[in-house]
């Protein structure tokens, strides 16, 4: 009877335990570059793919394998991206009229300022935000029926 022995396979995957920080976002080192960039707020799969193609990076490369110079290159590109206008997330900005792509905390701040402006001018969308109602035309008969501390309206509990 032959005894089977377990052999170490030479093609065994490397273990990555590092976390790489790009634009104030922690990205696990075991992720591919294409997947890892999507952890950053404001970076979709399309933008991530465009960044990899424009900077000539392999999309299957691991985030942990990037050098400091390459991380700096990605950060500089994402701070001021040169993307086609159909890919950017802020077309015809209200104040400047320019197309731009915002990432991370800049995106959060701009969104907050936009909502504040809508509330200040008392627009329909601003009022919907102020009252906590859906602002994009969703139906409200069956959903969004919570008042105050998220207690459902029109539901009777058994005593």
N, C-alpha and C. Protein backbone atom coordinates (compact mmCIF):
# COMPACT_ATOMS: atom_id res chain seq x y z
N UNK A 1 0.84 -1.18 0.00
CA UNK A 1 0.00 0.00 0.00
C UNK A 1 0.88 1.24 0.00
N UNK A 2 0.66 2.11 -0.95
CA UNK A 2 1.46 3.32 -1.04
C UNK A 2 0.88 4.39 -0.14
N UNK A 3 1.76 5.10 0.48
CA UNK A 3 1.32 6.17 1.36
C UNK A 3 1.45 7.49 0.61
N UNK A 4 0.36 8.24 0.61
CA UNK A 4 0.38 9.53 -0.09
C UNK A 4 1.03 10.57 0.81
N UNK A 5 1.89 11.34 0.23
CA UNK A 5 2.53 12.43 0.98
C UNK A 5 2.09 13.76 0.40
N UNK A 6 1.90 14.70 1.29
CA UNK A 6 1.52 16.04 0.84
C UNK A 6 2.79 16.79 0.47
N UNK A 7 2.81 17.32 -0.70
CA UNK A 7 3.96 18.09 -1.15
C UNK A 7 3.58 19.57 -1.22
N UNK A 8 4.56 20.40 -0.92
CA UNK A 8 4.34 21.85 -1.07
C UNK A 8 4.32 22.17 -2.56
N UNK A 9 3.30 22.83 -2.98
CA UNK A 9 3.19 23.19 -4.38
C UNK A 9 4.00 24.46 -4.63
N UNK A 10 4.82 24.46 -5.66
CA UNK A 10 5.64 25.65 -5.93
C UNK A 10 4.80 26.85 -6.39
N UNK A 11 3.61 26.61 -6.92
CA UNK A 11 2.77 27.70 -7.41
C UNK A 11 1.81 28.21 -6.34
N UNK A 12 2.12 27.93 -5.08
CA UNK A 12 1.25 28.38 -3.98
C UNK A 12 1.23 29.90 -3.93
N UNK A 13 0.07 30.46 -3.67
CA UNK A 13 -0.08 31.91 -3.67
C UNK A 13 0.67 32.54 -2.50
N UNK A 14 1.20 33.73 -2.76
CA UNK A 14 1.88 34.49 -1.71
C UNK A 14 0.85 35.06 -0.76
N UNK A 15 1.24 35.18 0.49
CA UNK A 15 0.36 35.78 1.49
C UNK A 15 0.73 37.25 1.64
N UNK A 16 -0.29 38.11 1.60
CA UNK A 16 -0.09 39.54 1.78
C UNK A 16 -0.85 39.97 3.03
N UNK A 17 -0.17 40.57 3.96
CA UNK A 17 -0.82 41.01 5.18
C UNK A 17 -0.74 42.52 5.35
N UNK A 18 -0.15 43.21 4.38
CA UNK A 18 0.04 44.64 4.54
C UNK A 18 -1.21 45.41 4.11
N UNK A 19 -1.29 46.62 4.60
CA UNK A 19 -2.36 47.53 4.20
C UNK A 19 -1.69 48.76 3.61
N UNK A 20 -2.10 49.14 2.43
CA UNK A 20 -1.54 50.29 1.75
C UNK A 20 -2.52 51.44 1.86
N UNK A 21 -2.01 52.63 2.14
CA UNK A 21 -2.86 53.81 2.31
C UNK A 21 -2.71 54.72 1.10
N UNK A 22 -3.80 54.91 0.38
CA UNK A 22 -3.83 55.81 -0.77
C UNK A 22 -5.01 56.77 -0.57
N UNK A 23 -4.74 58.05 -0.55
CA UNK A 23 -5.76 59.10 -0.38
C UNK A 23 -6.62 58.86 0.86
N UNK A 24 -6.00 58.70 2.00
CA UNK A 24 -6.66 58.49 3.29
C UNK A 24 -7.58 57.26 3.31
N UNK A 25 -7.29 56.28 2.48
CA UNK A 25 -8.09 55.06 2.44
C UNK A 25 -7.17 53.86 2.60
N UNK A 26 -7.51 52.97 3.54
CA UNK A 26 -6.75 51.75 3.74
C UNK A 26 -7.20 50.70 2.74
N UNK A 27 -6.24 50.16 1.99
CA UNK A 27 -6.54 49.15 0.97
C UNK A 27 -5.75 47.88 1.32
N UNK A 28 -6.43 46.73 1.42
CA UNK A 28 -5.70 45.48 1.71
C UNK A 28 -4.67 45.18 0.63
N UNK A 29 -3.50 44.73 1.03
CA UNK A 29 -2.41 44.48 0.10
C UNK A 29 -2.63 43.29 -0.81
N UNK A 30 -3.56 42.41 -0.46
CA UNK A 30 -3.78 41.22 -1.28
C UNK A 30 -4.72 41.47 -2.46
N UNK A 31 -5.24 42.68 -2.59
CA UNK A 31 -6.17 42.99 -3.68
C UNK A 31 -5.41 43.35 -4.95
N UNK A 32 -6.02 43.08 -6.09
CA UNK A 32 -5.47 43.53 -7.36
C UNK A 32 -5.59 45.04 -7.44
N UNK A 33 -4.80 45.63 -8.29
CA UNK A 33 -4.82 47.09 -8.43
C UNK A 33 -6.19 47.58 -8.88
N UNK A 34 -6.79 46.88 -9.82
CA UNK A 34 -8.12 47.28 -10.32
C UNK A 34 -9.16 47.24 -9.20
N UNK A 35 -9.15 46.21 -8.39
CA UNK A 35 -10.10 46.07 -7.29
C UNK A 35 -9.76 47.00 -6.14
N UNK A 36 -8.48 47.13 -5.83
CA UNK A 36 -8.06 47.93 -4.69
C UNK A 36 -8.39 49.40 -4.84
N UNK A 37 -8.27 49.94 -6.03
CA UNK A 37 -8.57 51.37 -6.23
C UNK A 37 -10.04 51.68 -6.01
N UNK A 38 -10.91 50.68 -6.18
CA UNK A 38 -12.34 50.93 -5.98
C UNK A 38 -12.70 51.09 -4.50
N UNK A 39 -11.77 50.81 -3.58
CA UNK A 39 -12.01 51.06 -2.17
C UNK A 39 -12.04 52.55 -1.86
N UNK A 40 -11.46 53.37 -2.73
CA UNK A 40 -11.41 54.81 -2.53
C UNK A 40 -12.75 55.41 -2.95
N UNK A 41 -13.31 56.26 -2.10
CA UNK A 41 -14.60 56.86 -2.40
C UNK A 41 -14.47 57.77 -3.62
N UNK A 42 -15.32 57.55 -4.60
CA UNK A 42 -15.30 58.34 -5.82
C UNK A 42 -14.61 57.64 -6.97
N UNK A 43 -14.05 56.45 -6.71
CA UNK A 43 -13.38 55.67 -7.76
C UNK A 43 -14.22 54.44 -8.06
N UNK A 44 -14.80 54.42 -9.25
CA UNK A 44 -15.60 53.27 -9.67
C UNK A 44 -14.71 52.29 -10.44
N UNK A 45 -15.29 51.20 -10.88
CA UNK A 45 -14.54 50.22 -11.66
C UNK A 45 -14.05 50.86 -12.95
N UNK A 46 -14.87 51.69 -13.56
CA UNK A 46 -14.49 52.33 -14.82
C UNK A 46 -13.31 53.28 -14.61
N UNK A 47 -13.39 54.10 -13.56
CA UNK A 47 -12.31 55.04 -13.28
C UNK A 47 -11.04 54.28 -12.91
N UNK A 48 -11.17 53.22 -12.12
CA UNK A 48 -10.02 52.41 -11.74
C UNK A 48 -9.34 51.82 -12.97
N UNK A 49 -10.12 51.32 -13.88
CA UNK A 49 -9.57 50.76 -15.12
C UNK A 49 -8.89 51.85 -15.94
N UNK A 50 -9.51 53.03 -16.01
CA UNK A 50 -8.93 54.14 -16.77
C UNK A 50 -7.60 54.58 -16.17
N UNK A 51 -7.51 54.61 -14.83
CA UNK A 51 -6.27 55.00 -14.16
C UNK A 51 -5.17 54.00 -14.49
N UNK A 52 -5.50 52.72 -14.44
CA UNK A 52 -4.50 51.68 -14.74
C UNK A 52 -4.03 51.79 -16.19
N UNK A 53 -4.93 52.04 -17.11
CA UNK A 53 -4.56 52.13 -18.53
C UNK A 53 -3.74 53.39 -18.80
N UNK A 54 -4.15 54.54 -18.24
CA UNK A 54 -3.45 55.79 -18.50
C UNK A 54 -2.06 55.83 -17.85
N UNK A 55 -1.89 55.16 -16.72
CA UNK A 55 -0.60 55.15 -16.04
C UNK A 55 0.24 53.92 -16.38
N UNK A 56 -0.27 53.08 -17.29
CA UNK A 56 0.42 51.87 -17.76
C UNK A 56 0.77 50.91 -16.62
N UNK A 57 -0.22 50.62 -15.77
CA UNK A 57 -0.06 49.64 -14.71
C UNK A 57 -0.83 48.39 -15.08
N UNK A 58 -0.33 47.24 -14.65
CA UNK A 58 -1.02 45.97 -14.86
C UNK A 58 -2.18 45.88 -13.86
N UNK A 59 -3.38 45.61 -14.35
CA UNK A 59 -4.55 45.58 -13.48
C UNK A 59 -4.53 44.39 -12.52
N UNK A 60 -3.79 43.34 -12.85
CA UNK A 60 -3.73 42.15 -12.00
C UNK A 60 -2.62 42.22 -10.95
N UNK A 61 -1.86 43.27 -10.96
CA UNK A 61 -0.77 43.45 -9.99
C UNK A 61 -1.34 43.69 -8.60
N UNK A 62 -0.69 43.17 -7.59
CA UNK A 62 -1.16 43.34 -6.21
C UNK A 62 -0.81 44.73 -5.69
N UNK A 63 -1.69 45.27 -4.85
CA UNK A 63 -1.48 46.59 -4.26
C UNK A 63 -0.20 46.59 -3.42
N UNK A 64 0.09 45.51 -2.71
CA UNK A 64 1.27 45.45 -1.85
C UNK A 64 2.57 45.51 -2.65
N UNK A 65 2.53 45.16 -3.94
CA UNK A 65 3.73 45.18 -4.77
C UNK A 65 4.07 46.57 -5.30
N UNK A 66 3.22 47.56 -5.07
CA UNK A 66 3.48 48.91 -5.57
C UNK A 66 4.59 49.57 -4.76
N UNK A 67 5.45 50.29 -5.44
CA UNK A 67 6.49 51.04 -4.75
C UNK A 67 5.92 52.40 -4.31
N UNK A 68 6.67 53.09 -3.44
CA UNK A 68 6.24 54.41 -2.98
C UNK A 68 6.12 55.39 -4.14
N UNK A 69 7.00 55.25 -5.10
CA UNK A 69 6.97 56.13 -6.27
C UNK A 69 5.69 55.91 -7.09
N UNK A 70 5.29 54.65 -7.25
CA UNK A 70 4.08 54.34 -8.01
C UNK A 70 2.83 54.79 -7.25
N UNK A 71 2.83 54.65 -5.93
CA UNK A 71 1.70 55.13 -5.14
C UNK A 71 1.57 56.65 -5.26
N UNK A 72 2.72 57.34 -5.25
CA UNK A 72 2.73 58.79 -5.42
C UNK A 72 2.19 59.18 -6.79
N UNK A 73 2.54 58.40 -7.81
CA UNK A 73 2.07 58.64 -9.17
C UNK A 73 0.54 58.50 -9.25
N UNK A 74 0.00 57.46 -8.61
CA UNK A 74 -1.45 57.25 -8.58
C UNK A 74 -2.14 58.38 -7.82
N UNK A 75 -1.58 58.77 -6.67
CA UNK A 75 -2.15 59.84 -5.85
C UNK A 75 -2.18 61.16 -6.61
N UNK A 76 -1.08 61.48 -7.28
CA UNK A 76 -1.02 62.72 -8.06
C UNK A 76 -2.04 62.72 -9.18
N UNK A 77 -2.19 61.57 -9.83
CA UNK A 77 -3.17 61.49 -10.93
C UNK A 77 -4.60 61.65 -10.41
N UNK A 78 -4.91 61.01 -9.27
CA UNK A 78 -6.27 61.08 -8.75
C UNK A 78 -6.60 62.46 -8.17
N UNK A 79 -5.59 63.21 -7.71
CA UNK A 79 -5.83 64.57 -7.24
C UNK A 79 -6.23 65.50 -8.39
N UNK A 80 -5.66 65.27 -9.56
CA UNK A 80 -5.98 66.10 -10.72
C UNK A 80 -6.05 65.21 -11.95
N UNK A 81 -7.14 64.43 -12.10
CA UNK A 81 -7.20 63.46 -13.19
C UNK A 81 -7.48 64.12 -14.54
N UNK A 82 -6.87 63.58 -15.57
CA UNK A 82 -7.15 64.03 -16.93
C UNK A 82 -7.99 62.94 -17.61
N UNK A 83 -9.27 62.94 -17.27
CA UNK A 83 -10.20 61.93 -17.78
C UNK A 83 -11.16 62.58 -18.76
N UNK A 84 -11.73 61.79 -19.66
CA UNK A 84 -12.76 62.34 -20.55
C UNK A 84 -13.96 62.84 -19.74
N UNK A 85 -14.67 63.82 -20.27
CA UNK A 85 -15.74 64.46 -19.51
C UNK A 85 -16.89 63.50 -19.18
N UNK A 86 -17.06 62.43 -19.96
CA UNK A 86 -18.15 61.50 -19.66
C UNK A 86 -17.81 60.57 -18.49
N UNK A 87 -16.56 60.56 -18.01
CA UNK A 87 -16.18 59.71 -16.89
C UNK A 87 -16.15 60.45 -15.55
N UNK A 88 -16.10 61.77 -15.57
CA UNK A 88 -15.95 62.51 -14.32
C UNK A 88 -17.26 62.53 -13.53
N UNK A 89 -17.16 62.71 -12.21
CA UNK A 89 -18.35 62.67 -11.36
C UNK A 89 -18.91 64.06 -11.05
N UNK A 90 -18.32 65.11 -11.58
CA UNK A 90 -18.82 66.46 -11.33
C UNK A 90 -18.75 67.26 -12.62
N UNK A 91 -19.79 67.15 -13.43
CA UNK A 91 -19.82 67.89 -14.70
C UNK A 91 -20.50 69.23 -14.49
N UNK A 92 -19.94 70.25 -15.11
CA UNK A 92 -20.48 71.62 -15.06
C UNK A 92 -20.81 72.01 -13.62
N UNK A 93 -19.76 72.15 -12.83
CA UNK A 93 -19.88 72.52 -11.42
C UNK A 93 -20.70 73.81 -11.29
N UNK A 94 -21.50 73.89 -10.23
CA UNK A 94 -22.40 75.03 -10.04
C UNK A 94 -21.63 76.34 -9.93
N UNK A 95 -20.53 76.35 -9.18
CA UNK A 95 -19.79 77.58 -8.96
C UNK A 95 -18.82 77.91 -10.10
N UNK A 96 -18.07 76.92 -10.58
CA UNK A 96 -17.03 77.18 -11.56
C UNK A 96 -17.45 76.88 -13.00
N UNK A 97 -18.40 75.98 -13.18
CA UNK A 97 -18.83 75.60 -14.52
C UNK A 97 -17.89 74.61 -15.20
N UNK A 98 -16.88 74.13 -14.48
CA UNK A 98 -15.90 73.21 -15.05
C UNK A 98 -16.26 71.76 -14.75
N UNK A 99 -15.68 70.87 -15.54
CA UNK A 99 -15.79 69.44 -15.27
C UNK A 99 -14.64 69.04 -14.35
N UNK A 100 -14.95 68.28 -13.31
CA UNK A 100 -13.89 67.82 -12.40
C UNK A 100 -14.30 66.46 -11.84
N UNK A 101 -13.29 65.77 -11.30
CA UNK A 101 -13.56 64.47 -10.67
C UNK A 101 -13.09 64.56 -9.23
N UNK A 102 -14.00 64.45 -8.28
CA UNK A 102 -13.67 64.56 -6.87
C UNK A 102 -13.53 63.18 -6.26
N UNK A 103 -12.61 63.07 -5.30
CA UNK A 103 -12.31 61.79 -4.68
C UNK A 103 -12.19 61.98 -3.18
N UNK A 104 -12.66 61.00 -2.41
CA UNK A 104 -12.47 60.97 -0.96
C UNK A 104 -13.22 62.06 -0.22
N UNK A 105 -12.52 62.75 0.68
CA UNK A 105 -13.16 63.75 1.53
C UNK A 105 -13.64 64.96 0.74
N UNK A 106 -12.97 65.27 -0.37
CA UNK A 106 -13.41 66.40 -1.21
C UNK A 106 -14.82 66.13 -1.75
N UNK A 107 -15.08 64.88 -2.12
CA UNK A 107 -16.39 64.49 -2.64
C UNK A 107 -17.46 64.64 -1.56
N UNK A 108 -17.15 64.19 -0.33
CA UNK A 108 -18.10 64.31 0.79
C UNK A 108 -18.42 65.77 1.08
N UNK A 109 -17.39 66.60 1.14
CA UNK A 109 -17.58 68.02 1.46
C UNK A 109 -18.41 68.72 0.39
N UNK A 110 -18.12 68.47 -0.87
CA UNK A 110 -18.85 69.12 -1.97
C UNK A 110 -20.31 68.70 -1.96
N UNK A 111 -20.56 67.43 -1.68
CA UNK A 111 -21.94 66.93 -1.63
C UNK A 111 -22.70 67.59 -0.48
N UNK A 112 -22.05 67.72 0.67
CA UNK A 112 -22.67 68.38 1.83
C UNK A 112 -22.99 69.85 1.53
N UNK A 113 -22.06 70.54 0.87
CA UNK A 113 -22.29 71.95 0.52
C UNK A 113 -23.42 72.09 -0.49
N UNK A 114 -23.53 71.14 -1.43
CA UNK A 114 -24.61 71.19 -2.41
C UNK A 114 -25.97 71.03 -1.73
N UNK A 115 -26.06 70.10 -0.78
CA UNK A 115 -27.33 69.88 -0.07
C UNK A 115 -27.67 71.10 0.79
N UNK A 116 -26.66 71.70 1.44
CA UNK A 116 -26.90 72.92 2.22
C UNK A 116 -27.42 74.05 1.35
N UNK A 117 -26.83 74.18 0.14
CA UNK A 117 -27.27 75.23 -0.79
C UNK A 117 -28.72 75.01 -1.20
N UNK A 118 -29.09 73.76 -1.48
CA UNK A 118 -30.46 73.45 -1.86
C UNK A 118 -31.43 73.77 -0.73
N UNK A 119 -31.02 73.47 0.52
CA UNK A 119 -31.88 73.78 1.66
C UNK A 119 -32.01 75.28 1.86
N UNK A 120 -30.92 76.00 1.66
CA UNK A 120 -30.91 77.45 1.87
C UNK A 120 -31.82 78.17 0.89
N UNK A 121 -31.81 77.74 -0.36
CA UNK A 121 -32.65 78.41 -1.35
C UNK A 121 -34.08 77.86 -1.35
N UNK A 122 -34.34 76.90 -0.45
CA UNK A 122 -35.67 76.33 -0.26
C UNK A 122 -36.22 75.70 -1.55
N UNK A 123 -35.37 75.01 -2.29
CA UNK A 123 -35.83 74.32 -3.48
C UNK A 123 -36.59 73.06 -3.07
N UNK A 124 -37.27 72.46 -4.01
CA UNK A 124 -38.04 71.25 -3.73
C UNK A 124 -37.12 70.16 -3.19
N UNK A 125 -36.00 69.93 -3.88
CA UNK A 125 -35.06 68.90 -3.43
C UNK A 125 -34.48 69.24 -2.07
N UNK A 126 -34.23 70.52 -1.82
CA UNK A 126 -33.71 70.94 -0.52
C UNK A 126 -34.70 70.67 0.59
N UNK A 127 -35.97 70.92 0.34
CA UNK A 127 -37.00 70.66 1.34
C UNK A 127 -37.14 69.16 1.60
N UNK A 128 -37.05 68.36 0.55
CA UNK A 128 -37.13 66.91 0.72
C UNK A 128 -35.97 66.42 1.59
N UNK A 129 -34.77 66.97 1.38
CA UNK A 129 -33.63 66.61 2.22
C UNK A 129 -33.86 67.05 3.66
N UNK A 130 -34.39 68.25 3.83
CA UNK A 130 -34.59 68.80 5.18
C UNK A 130 -35.59 67.97 5.98
N UNK A 131 -36.62 67.49 5.34
CA UNK A 131 -37.65 66.72 6.03
C UNK A 131 -37.34 65.23 6.10
N UNK A 132 -36.26 64.80 5.45
CA UNK A 132 -35.88 63.40 5.48
C UNK A 132 -36.68 62.54 4.53
N UNK A 133 -37.29 63.15 3.53
CA UNK A 133 -38.05 62.40 2.53
C UNK A 133 -37.16 62.06 1.34
N UNK A 134 -37.55 61.08 0.52
CA UNK A 134 -36.74 60.76 -0.65
C UNK A 134 -36.77 61.93 -1.64
N UNK A 135 -35.61 62.24 -2.20
CA UNK A 135 -35.49 63.42 -3.05
C UNK A 135 -35.49 63.10 -4.53
N UNK A 136 -35.53 61.83 -4.89
CA UNK A 136 -35.40 61.48 -6.30
C UNK A 136 -36.62 60.79 -6.87
N UNK A 137 -37.78 61.08 -6.36
CA UNK A 137 -39.01 60.61 -6.98
C UNK A 137 -39.45 59.22 -6.63
N UNK A 138 -38.89 58.62 -5.58
CA UNK A 138 -39.33 57.27 -5.22
C UNK A 138 -40.74 57.33 -4.63
N UNK A 139 -41.45 56.21 -4.69
CA UNK A 139 -42.79 56.16 -4.11
C UNK A 139 -42.69 56.15 -2.59
N UNK A 140 -43.67 56.73 -1.93
CA UNK A 140 -43.61 56.82 -0.47
C UNK A 140 -44.79 56.15 0.22
N UNK A 141 -45.67 55.51 -0.54
CA UNK A 141 -46.82 54.87 0.08
C UNK A 141 -46.38 53.69 0.95
N UNK A 142 -45.48 52.89 0.43
CA UNK A 142 -45.09 51.68 1.15
C UNK A 142 -43.74 51.82 1.86
N UNK A 143 -42.92 52.76 1.47
CA UNK A 143 -41.60 52.92 2.04
C UNK A 143 -41.45 54.32 2.62
N UNK A 144 -40.37 54.56 3.33
CA UNK A 144 -40.07 55.86 3.91
C UNK A 144 -41.16 56.30 4.88
N UNK A 145 -41.71 55.34 5.64
CA UNK A 145 -42.82 55.66 6.54
C UNK A 145 -42.38 55.76 7.99
N UNK A 146 -41.12 55.98 8.22
CA UNK A 146 -40.63 56.10 9.59
C UNK A 146 -40.67 57.57 10.03
N UNK A 147 -41.04 57.82 11.23
CA UNK A 147 -41.07 59.18 11.78
C UNK A 147 -40.19 59.21 13.02
N UNK A 148 -39.48 60.26 13.22
CA UNK A 148 -38.71 60.44 14.44
C UNK A 148 -37.63 59.41 14.63
N UNK A 149 -37.80 58.54 15.60
CA UNK A 149 -36.77 57.56 15.93
C UNK A 149 -36.98 56.25 15.16
N UNK A 150 -37.30 56.37 13.90
CA UNK A 150 -37.45 55.23 13.00
C UNK A 150 -38.52 54.24 13.46
N UNK A 151 -39.61 54.74 14.00
CA UNK A 151 -40.74 53.88 14.29
C UNK A 151 -41.70 53.95 13.12
N UNK A 152 -42.17 52.81 12.67
CA UNK A 152 -43.02 52.76 11.50
C UNK A 152 -44.38 53.39 11.79
N UNK A 153 -44.90 54.10 10.80
CA UNK A 153 -46.20 54.74 10.93
C UNK A 153 -47.27 53.78 10.43
N UNK A 154 -48.36 53.65 11.15
CA UNK A 154 -49.48 52.82 10.71
C UNK A 154 -49.34 51.35 11.04
N UNK A 155 -48.41 50.99 11.91
CA UNK A 155 -48.24 49.60 12.30
C UNK A 155 -48.60 49.47 13.76
N UNK A 156 -49.54 48.56 14.05
CA UNK A 156 -49.97 48.36 15.43
C UNK A 156 -49.24 47.16 16.02
N UNK A 157 -48.70 47.32 17.20
CA UNK A 157 -48.03 46.22 17.89
C UNK A 157 -49.00 45.53 18.82
N UNK A 158 -48.81 44.24 19.02
CA UNK A 158 -49.65 43.51 19.96
C UNK A 158 -49.24 43.88 21.37
N UNK A 159 -50.22 43.96 22.24
CA UNK A 159 -49.93 44.33 23.64
C UNK A 159 -49.68 43.11 24.48
